[in-house]
Amino acid sequence: MARGGVNKAVVQIARSAILARGEHPSIDAVRIEMGNTGSKTTIHRYLKELEQSEARRAAPQEALEEELTELVQRMAQRLREQAQEPVEQAQAQVAEMNQELAAQQAAAEQAQAQLRQQLQTQASALASESALLQETRSMLQSEQTRNAGLNQALADFELRLKDKDEQIRSLEEKHLHARDALEHYRSAVKEQREQDQRRHEGQLQQVQQELRQAQQSALVRQDEITQLHRDNERLTSEQRATQKELRQVQEQVQKADGKLGQLMEQSTRLNSEHTLLQERLRVALLESHEFKQNLEQQLQDNRQLELRAAKAEASLEALQLAAAAKAEAQPEAEEQRPEPPEQA
């Protein structure tokens, strides 16, 4: 495409400079010499015309008809080239516009994709918010149900606690009775043991004394010694029986101790259950207290809202009364307004 200022004279100057350097004046060389300006078609045309002019100057003069024919052909060629230049310019502009439109279309498609992505993101966020709201409502209903259950459980805990307290008091009374009976039994066994031991010691001392007397009179009282041996055997049998009774008493004492240990373990277990129930009751009371505080706060907020509504209604009624009084006073003021004096 030729720019403004590219003509045959400029092409001739560039061609002459190339020839002066001893180079071949091709279309690209001439175009570079002119600073990369001008259409190759135009440069080719001008180079052809210059070559033909030089050929005409070197050749014999031809007939006028040939010159006219050549001139007409050149003018036609030039007219075609001149007509071709706007077409090339228009084609270049159309190509540029197509590139711009393609770029704009790509940008629009990218923006549309971004808008779709944003719309999808917003839709997902809306769905998440809806799900969260539904979950919050479900949690609220669950909390309300749980509060009702906690209140019922608190009432049940209080009833169970009362029952446990009664059971504990009953077990404590039984434990006290069992301990008193065990102490009484131990005292009786101890007293019986001491009495048996004293009687045995007395009998043993008496036997020893009789044995000494028997030994002193052994030579003369063999029969008495035999009788004493018999008495000794009898006392030994009695001692064995006494020891057997003592072992039985000890076994009974051990059994009583075992029962006492079981009662103590049962009492400890009941105390642990009582402590656990007290802790659960304390937690339930704390939750109930917190729930009551929240309920009282809500009731207080409702009372404040009712007071604000009452104040707003009172203010509205006052404004309505003031407007009515003003509307009634305006006609009276107009009636009482003095008439202007007549002009002479």
Protein backbone atom coordinates (compact mmCIF):
# COMPACT_ATOMS: atom_id res chain seq x y z
CA MET A 1 0.00 0.00 0.00
CA ALA A 2 1.57 3.34 -1.08
CA ARG A 3 1.71 6.17 1.41
CA GLY A 4 1.35 9.82 0.58
CA GLY A 5 4.46 11.23 -1.18
CA VAL A 6 5.46 7.98 -2.93
CA ASN A 7 5.58 8.73 -6.64
CA LYS A 8 7.59 7.92 -9.69
CA ALA A 9 10.24 10.56 -8.95
CA VAL A 10 10.92 9.16 -5.48
CA VAL A 11 11.16 5.63 -6.91
CA GLN A 12 13.53 6.89 -9.61
CA ILE A 13 15.82 8.58 -7.04
CA ALA A 14 15.94 5.37 -4.91
CA ARG A 15 16.67 3.27 -8.05
CA SER A 16 19.46 5.60 -9.14
CA ALA A 17 21.08 5.44 -5.69
CA ILE A 18 21.02 1.61 -5.77
CA LEU A 19 22.49 1.53 -9.28
CA ALA A 20 25.18 4.00 -8.21
CA ARG A 21 26.21 1.51 -5.51
CA GLY A 22 26.47 -1.19 -8.17
CA GLU A 23 23.49 -3.20 -6.81
CA HIS A 24 20.43 -4.59 -8.53
CA PRO A 25 17.41 -2.34 -8.05
CA SER A 26 14.86 -4.95 -6.96
CA ILE A 27 11.46 -4.09 -5.53
CA ASP A 28 12.52 -4.87 -1.91
CA ALA A 29 15.80 -2.96 -2.28
CA VAL A 30 13.97 0.12 -3.61
CA ARG A 31 11.38 -0.10 -0.87
CA ILE A 32 14.11 -0.36 1.82
CA GLU A 33 15.91 2.58 0.21
CA MET A 34 12.70 4.64 0.56
CA GLY A 35 12.41 3.72 4.27
CA ASN A 36 10.08 0.73 3.93
CA THR A 37 7.31 2.83 2.48
CA GLY A 38 5.11 2.35 -0.54
CA SER A 39 3.23 -0.57 -2.03
CA LYS A 40 5.23 -3.23 -3.82
CA THR A 41 2.71 -3.08 -6.68
CA THR A 42 3.22 0.65 -7.10
CA ILE A 43 7.02 0.31 -6.84
CA HIS A 44 6.91 -2.49 -9.41
CA ARG A 45 4.84 -0.33 -11.73
CA TYR A 46 7.15 2.66 -11.42
CA LEU A 47 10.25 0.47 -11.87
CA LYS A 48 8.69 -1.03 -15.00
CA GLU A 49 7.88 2.42 -16.35
CA LEU A 50 11.44 3.60 -15.70
CA GLU A 51 12.87 0.52 -17.37
CA GLN A 52 10.56 1.00 -20.32
CA SER A 53 11.51 4.70 -20.57
CA GLU A 54 15.17 3.82 -20.58
CA ALA A 55 14.49 1.13 -23.17
CA ARG A 56 12.62 3.64 -25.29
CA ARG A 57 15.41 6.12 -25.03
CA ALA A 58 17.91 3.45 -26.07
CA ALA A 59 15.75 1.98 -28.89
CA PRO A 60 14.77 3.81 -32.11
CA GLN A 61 11.70 5.95 -31.94
CA GLU A 62 8.60 3.96 -32.64
CA ALA A 63 5.49 5.02 -34.29
CA LEU A 64 3.10 7.46 -32.68
CA GLU A 65 0.37 4.84 -32.53
CA GLU A 66 2.54 2.55 -30.48
CA GLU A 67 3.31 5.38 -28.09
CA LEU A 68 -0.32 6.27 -27.81
CA THR A 69 -1.18 2.62 -27.29
CA GLU A 70 1.50 2.31 -24.63
CA LEU A 71 0.33 5.53 -23.02
CA VAL A 72 -3.24 4.30 -22.96
CA GLN A 73 -2.12 0.97 -21.50
CA ARG A 74 -0.07 2.74 -18.83
CA MET A 75 -2.95 5.01 -17.96
CA ALA A 76 -5.29 2.00 -17.75
CA GLN A 77 -2.76 0.14 -15.62
CA ARG A 78 -2.33 3.18 -13.44
CA LEU A 79 -6.07 3.59 -13.12
CA ARG A 80 -6.36 -0.09 -12.14
CA GLU A 81 -3.58 0.33 -9.60
CA GLN A 82 -5.14 3.50 -8.22
CA ALA A 83 -8.43 1.66 -7.94
CA GLN A 84 -6.64 -1.27 -6.30
CA GLU A 85 -5.05 0.92 -3.61
CA PRO A 86 -8.37 1.86 -1.91
CA VAL A 87 -9.43 -1.77 -2.12
CA GLU A 88 -6.20 -2.82 -0.37
CA GLN A 89 -6.66 -0.08 2.21
CA ALA A 90 -10.23 -1.19 2.78
CA GLN A 91 -9.15 -4.81 3.05
CA ALA A 92 -6.46 -3.85 5.57
CA GLN A 93 -9.00 -1.84 7.56
CA VAL A 94 -11.47 -4.73 7.44
CA ALA A 95 -8.73 -7.10 8.63
CA GLU A 96 -7.87 -4.74 11.50
CA MET A 97 -11.57 -4.35 12.35
CA ASN A 98 -11.97 -8.13 12.26
CA GLN A 99 -9.01 -8.50 14.64
CA GLU A 100 -10.45 -5.83 16.95
CA LEU A 101 -13.88 -7.46 16.78
CA ALA A 102 -12.32 -10.87 17.49
CA ALA A 103 -10.44 -9.39 20.45
CA GLN A 104 -13.63 -7.69 21.68
CA GLN A 105 -15.56 -10.94 21.23
CA ALA A 106 -12.90 -12.89 23.19
CA ALA A 107 -12.98 -10.26 25.94
CA ALA A 108 -16.79 -10.38 25.97
CA GLU A 109 -16.74 -14.18 26.14
CA GLN A 110 -14.20 -14.03 28.97
CA ALA A 111 -16.31 -11.46 30.81
CA GLN A 112 -19.40 -13.63 30.22
CA ALA A 113 -17.55 -16.66 31.61
CA GLN A 114 -16.48 -14.62 34.65
CA LEU A 115 -20.06 -13.42 35.13
CA ARG A 116 -21.30 -17.01 34.88
CA GLN A 117 -18.68 -18.11 37.40
CA GLN A 118 -19.66 -15.24 39.72
CA LEU A 119 -23.32 -16.19 39.28
CA GLN A 120 -22.54 -19.81 40.11
CA THR A 121 -20.49 -18.69 43.12
CA GLN A 122 -23.32 -16.47 44.32
CA ALA A 123 -25.81 -19.28 43.75
CA SER A 124 -23.59 -21.66 45.75
CA ALA A 125 -23.21 -19.04 48.49
CA LEU A 126 -26.99 -18.53 48.52
CA ALA A 127 -27.55 -22.26 48.75
CA SER A 128 -25.00 -22.47 51.57
CA GLU A 129 -26.69 -19.59 53.40
CA SER A 130 -30.09 -21.25 52.92
CA ALA A 131 -28.73 -24.55 54.21
CA LEU A 132 -27.10 -22.73 57.13
CA LEU A 133 -30.38 -20.96 57.91
CA GLN A 134 -32.26 -24.24 57.79
CA GLU A 135 -29.62 -25.84 59.98
CA THR A 136 -29.86 -22.91 62.41
CA ARG A 137 -33.63 -23.31 62.56
CA SER A 138 -33.23 -27.03 63.16
CA MET A 139 -30.67 -26.31 65.88
CA LEU A 140 -33.07 -23.81 67.46
CA GLN A 141 -35.86 -26.38 67.48
CA SER A 142 -33.44 -28.97 68.85
CA GLU A 143 -32.33 -26.55 71.58
CA GLN A 144 -35.94 -25.84 72.48
CA THR A 145 -36.67 -29.56 72.57
CA ARG A 146 -33.48 -30.15 74.58
CA ASN A 147 -34.45 -27.40 77.05
CA ALA A 148 -37.83 -29.03 77.52
CA GLY A 149 -36.10 -32.36 77.97
CA LEU A 150 -33.66 -30.81 80.44
CA ASN A 151 -36.51 -29.34 82.45
CA GLN A 152 -38.21 -32.73 82.52
CA ALA A 153 -34.89 -34.42 83.33
CA LEU A 154 -34.34 -31.87 86.11
CA ALA A 155 -37.71 -32.72 87.61
CA ASP A 156 -36.91 -36.42 87.30
CA PHE A 157 -33.48 -35.84 88.88
CA GLU A 158 -35.08 -34.02 91.79
CA LEU A 159 -37.52 -36.91 92.32
CA ARG A 160 -34.71 -39.45 92.04
CA LEU A 161 -32.57 -37.39 94.37
CA LYS A 162 -35.34 -37.38 96.94
CA ASP A 163 -35.69 -41.15 96.57
CA LYS A 164 -31.91 -41.59 96.89
CA ASP A 165 -31.87 -39.36 99.96
CA GLU A 166 -34.58 -41.51 101.51
CA GLN A 167 -32.67 -44.67 100.60
CA ILE A 168 -29.44 -43.21 102.00
CA ARG A 169 -31.13 -42.24 105.25
CA SER A 170 -32.67 -45.71 105.49
CA LEU A 171 -29.29 -47.35 104.80
CA GLU A 172 -27.59 -45.07 107.31
CA GLU A 173 -30.15 -46.04 109.94
CA LYS A 174 -29.65 -49.73 109.10
CA HIS A 175 -25.91 -49.21 109.19
CA LEU A 176 -26.14 -47.58 112.60
CA HIS A 177 -28.35 -50.39 113.89
CA ALA A 178 -25.97 -52.99 112.47
CA ARG A 179 -22.99 -51.22 114.00
CA ASP A 180 -24.71 -51.01 117.38
CA ALA A 181 -25.62 -54.70 117.19
CA LEU A 182 -22.07 -55.57 116.17
CA GLU A 183 -20.62 -53.52 119.03
CA HIS A 184 -23.02 -55.16 121.43
CA TYR A 185 -22.12 -58.59 120.05
CA ARG A 186 -18.39 -57.82 120.29
CA SER A 187 -18.82 -56.62 123.86
CA ALA A 188 -20.76 -59.74 124.78
CA VAL A 189 -18.22 -62.03 123.09
CA LYS A 190 -15.35 -60.19 124.73
CA GLU A 191 -16.98 -60.39 128.14
CA GLN A 192 -17.76 -64.10 127.61
CA ARG A 193 -14.18 -64.70 126.49
CA GLU A 194 -12.80 -62.89 129.53
CA GLN A 195 -15.12 -64.86 131.82
CA ASP A 196 -14.05 -68.17 130.21
CA GLN A 197 -10.41 -67.19 130.41
CA ARG A 198 -10.74 -66.24 134.09
CA ARG A 199 -12.59 -69.45 134.83
CA HIS A 200 -9.98 -71.46 132.93
CA GLU A 201 -7.14 -69.68 134.74
CA GLY A 202 -8.86 -70.33 138.05
CA GLN A 203 -9.38 -73.94 137.18
CA LEU A 204 -5.81 -74.22 135.96
CA GLN A 205 -4.48 -72.69 139.19
CA GLN A 206 -6.67 -75.00 141.19
CA VAL A 207 -5.41 -78.02 139.20
CA GLN A 208 -1.82 -76.93 139.62
CA GLN A 209 -2.36 -76.52 143.36
CA GLU A 210 -3.99 -79.91 143.59
CA LEU A 211 -1.20 -81.37 141.49
CA ARG A 212 1.39 -79.99 143.85
CA GLN A 213 -0.51 -81.42 146.79
CA ALA A 214 -0.82 -84.71 144.93
CA GLN A 215 2.90 -84.80 144.20
CA GLN A 216 3.66 -84.12 147.83
CA SER A 217 1.41 -86.94 148.88
CA ALA A 218 2.10 -89.19 145.86
CA LEU A 219 3.58 -91.94 147.84
CA VAL A 220 0.66 -92.20 150.16
CA ARG A 221 -2.18 -91.12 147.92
CA GLN A 222 -1.85 -92.95 144.61
CA ASP A 223 -5.57 -93.23 144.31
CA GLU A 224 -5.93 -89.53 144.72
CA ILE A 225 -3.35 -89.03 141.97
CA THR A 226 -5.34 -91.27 139.66
CA GLN A 227 -8.45 -89.27 140.49
CA LEU A 228 -6.55 -86.09 139.88
CA HIS A 229 -5.46 -87.40 136.49
CA ARG A 230 -9.06 -88.11 135.69
CA ASP A 231 -10.01 -84.62 136.85
CA ASN A 232 -7.18 -83.25 134.70
CA GLU A 233 -8.46 -85.11 131.66
CA ARG A 234 -11.93 -83.81 132.34
CA LEU A 235 -10.62 -80.28 132.65
CA THR A 236 -8.61 -80.76 129.46
CA SER A 237 -11.78 -81.85 127.67
CA GLU A 238 -13.57 -78.85 129.03
CA GLN A 239 -10.67 -76.65 127.92
CA ARG A 240 -10.88 -78.10 124.44
CA ALA A 241 -14.59 -77.53 124.35
CA THR A 242 -14.00 -73.99 125.58
CA GLN A 243 -11.38 -73.42 122.87
CA LYS A 244 -13.77 -74.81 120.28
CA GLU A 245 -16.46 -72.43 121.49
CA LEU A 246 -13.89 -69.64 121.37
CA ARG A 247 -13.01 -70.47 117.76
CA GLN A 248 -16.70 -70.49 116.86
CA VAL A 249 -17.11 -67.12 118.51
CA GLN A 250 -14.07 -65.83 116.55
CA GLU A 251 -15.53 -67.12 113.28
CA GLN A 252 -18.81 -65.40 114.08
CA VAL A 253 -16.86 -62.23 114.81
CA GLN A 254 -15.03 -62.56 111.46
CA LYS A 255 -18.35 -63.08 109.66
CA ALA A 256 -19.74 -60.04 111.40
CA ASP A 257 -16.62 -58.09 110.33
CA GLY A 258 -17.17 -59.25 106.72
CA LYS A 259 -20.79 -58.13 106.84
CA LEU A 260 -19.65 -54.84 108.31
CA GLY A 261 -17.12 -54.43 105.46
CA GLN A 262 -19.83 -55.15 102.90
CA LEU A 263 -22.07 -52.60 104.58
CA MET A 264 -19.20 -50.10 104.54
CA GLU A 265 -18.56 -50.75 100.82
CA GLN A 266 -22.26 -50.38 100.08
CA SER A 267 -22.33 -47.15 102.06
CA THR A 268 -19.25 -45.88 100.14
CA ARG A 269 -20.86 -46.80 96.82
CA LEU A 270 -24.08 -45.06 97.84
CA ASN A 271 -22.08 -42.00 98.89
CA SER A 272 -20.37 -42.00 95.46
CA GLU A 273 -23.73 -42.27 93.72
CA HIS A 274 -25.05 -39.52 95.92
CA THR A 275 -22.06 -37.30 95.01
CA LEU A 276 -22.53 -38.08 91.29
CA LEU A 277 -26.24 -37.28 91.51
CA GLN A 278 -25.45 -34.05 93.33
CA GLU A 279 -22.97 -33.09 90.57
CA ARG A 280 -25.54 -33.87 87.87
CA LEU A 281 -28.12 -31.90 89.77
CA ARG A 282 -25.69 -28.99 90.05
CA VAL A 283 -25.02 -29.04 86.29
CA ALA A 284 -28.75 -29.28 85.56
CA LEU A 285 -29.44 -26.41 87.96
CA LEU A 286 -26.74 -24.31 86.26
CA GLU A 287 -28.23 -25.00 82.83
CA SER A 288 -31.72 -24.27 84.16
CA HIS A 289 -30.45 -21.05 85.75
CA GLU A 290 -28.82 -19.98 82.48
CA PHE A 291 -32.01 -20.80 80.58
CA LYS A 292 -34.06 -18.80 83.10
CA GLN A 293 -31.67 -15.85 82.76
CA ASN A 294 -32.05 -15.94 78.97
CA LEU A 295 -35.81 -16.14 79.35
CA GLU A 296 -35.83 -13.20 81.78
CA GLN A 297 -33.64 -11.20 79.36
CA GLN A 298 -36.08 -11.89 76.53
CA LEU A 299 -39.02 -10.91 78.74
CA GLN A 300 -37.20 -7.71 79.69
CA ASP A 301 -36.55 -6.91 76.02
CA ASN A 302 -40.22 -7.56 75.24
CA ARG A 303 -41.26 -5.23 78.08
CA GLN A 304 -38.94 -2.52 76.72
CA LEU A 305 -40.39 -2.94 73.24
CA GLU A 306 -43.92 -2.70 74.68
CA LEU A 307 -42.95 0.49 76.56
CA ARG A 308 -41.48 1.96 73.35
CA ALA A 309 -44.65 1.03 71.45
CA ALA A 310 -46.81 2.62 74.17
CA LYS A 311 -44.67 5.80 74.08
CA ALA A 312 -44.92 5.91 70.29
CA GLU A 313 -48.72 5.50 70.47
CA ALA A 314 -48.93 8.25 73.11
CA SER A 315 -46.79 10.57 70.96
CA LEU A 316 -48.96 9.80 67.93
CA GLU A 317 -52.13 10.54 69.89
CA ALA A 318 -50.60 13.80 71.16
CA LEU A 319 -49.69 14.81 67.61
CA GLN A 320 -53.19 13.93 66.40
CA LEU A 321 -54.77 15.99 69.21
CA ALA A 322 -52.44 18.92 68.48
CA ALA A 323 -53.29 18.75 64.77
CA ALA A 324 -57.02 18.62 65.56
CA ALA A 325 -56.74 21.58 67.95
CA LYS A 326 -54.77 23.52 65.37
CA ALA A 327 -57.36 22.75 62.71
CA GLU A 328 -60.16 23.93 65.02
CA ALA A 329 -58.31 27.08 66.04
CA GLN A 330 -57.50 28.17 62.47
CA PRO A 331 -61.15 28.96 61.40
CA GLU A 332 -61.76 30.83 64.65
CA ALA A 333 -58.64 32.93 64.08
CA GLU A 334 -59.82 33.71 60.56
CA GLU A 335 -63.25 34.79 61.88
CA GLN A 336 -61.70 37.00 64.59
CA ARG A 337 -59.23 38.63 62.16
CA PRO A 338 -60.24 42.38 61.84
CA GLU A 339 -61.41 43.59 58.48
CA PRO A 340 -59.20 46.12 56.71
CA PRO A 341 -60.49 49.75 56.92
CA GLU A 342 -62.25 51.15 53.92
CA GLN A 343 -60.31 53.66 51.87
CA ALA A 344 -61.75 57.14 51.49
